[in-house]
Amino acid sequence: MRITQEQLAEMAQVGINTLYKIEKGEANPTLSSLEKIVDVLGLKVTLRVKEISGIGNETGKNLL
């Protein structure tokens, strides 16, 4: 399926300027926006979470 950026933005209910900024790496999409965009494109998203050091206990593993 070939669609324009304008069509993608409309179908995903995301602002066209937001979509442009995401594409250019100038903005990070919310998880909700990302889900809408990939759903329109028929894709799946796999998120990878990495450990954040220095938060919580001294090892950074206990974030709560």
Protein backbone atom coordinates (compact mmCIF):
# COMPACT_ATOMS: atom_id res chain seq x y z
CA MET A 1 0.00 0.00 0.00
CA ARG A 2 1.38 3.38 -0.98
CA ILE A 3 0.16 6.35 1.01
CA THR A 4 1.38 9.89 1.45
CA GLN A 5 2.58 11.30 4.74
CA GLU A 6 -0.57 13.38 4.88
CA GLN A 7 -2.71 10.27 4.48
CA LEU A 8 -0.69 8.42 7.12
CA ALA A 9 -1.07 11.30 9.56
CA GLU A 10 -4.82 11.42 8.98
CA MET A 11 -5.29 7.65 9.22
CA ALA A 12 -3.17 7.41 12.38
CA GLN A 13 -4.80 10.50 13.90
CA VAL A 14 -1.40 12.13 14.34
CA GLY A 15 -0.60 15.72 13.41
CA ILE A 16 1.28 16.07 10.13
CA ASN A 17 3.94 18.27 11.74
CA THR A 18 4.43 15.67 14.45
CA LEU A 19 4.82 12.96 11.82
CA TYR A 20 7.41 15.07 9.94
CA LYS A 21 9.38 15.65 13.14
CA ILE A 22 9.29 11.94 14.06
CA GLU A 23 10.54 11.00 10.59
CA LYS A 24 13.39 13.53 10.78
CA GLY A 25 14.37 12.39 14.29
CA GLU A 26 13.42 15.73 15.81
CA ALA A 27 10.64 14.31 17.99
CA ASN A 28 9.99 11.09 19.84
CA PRO A 29 6.50 9.66 19.42
CA THR A 30 4.42 8.72 22.41
CA LEU A 31 3.72 5.02 22.70
CA SER A 32 0.12 5.74 21.73
CA SER A 33 1.14 7.61 18.57
CA LEU A 34 3.67 4.94 17.65
CA GLU A 35 1.03 2.22 18.00
CA LYS A 36 -1.35 4.14 15.74
CA ILE A 37 1.30 4.73 13.08
CA VAL A 38 2.54 1.15 12.94
CA ASP A 39 -1.03 -0.16 12.97
CA VAL A 40 -1.81 1.86 9.84
CA LEU A 41 1.39 0.58 8.22
CA GLY A 42 0.63 -3.02 9.21
CA LEU A 43 3.80 -3.34 11.27
CA LYS A 44 4.62 -4.58 14.77
CA VAL A 45 6.76 -2.83 17.36
CA THR A 46 9.12 -4.57 19.70
CA LEU A 47 10.34 -2.42 22.56
CA ARG A 48 13.66 -3.03 24.19
CA VAL A 49 14.17 -1.65 27.67
CA LYS A 50 17.67 -1.23 28.98
CA GLU A 51 18.78 -0.89 32.56
CA ILE A 52 19.19 2.63 33.90
CA SER A 53 22.14 2.91 36.25
CA GLY A 54 22.16 5.06 39.33
CA ILE A 55 18.44 5.06 40.07
CA GLY A 56 17.01 3.21 43.05
CA ASN A 57 19.56 1.15 44.87
CA GLU A 58 23.29 1.29 44.22
CA THR A 59 23.11 -1.21 41.34
CA GLY A 60 20.31 0.63 39.56
CA LYS A 61 18.24 -2.55 39.23
CA ASN A 62 15.50 -1.62 41.67
CA LEU A 63 13.75 1.29 39.98
CA LEU A 64 10.69 1.36 42.27
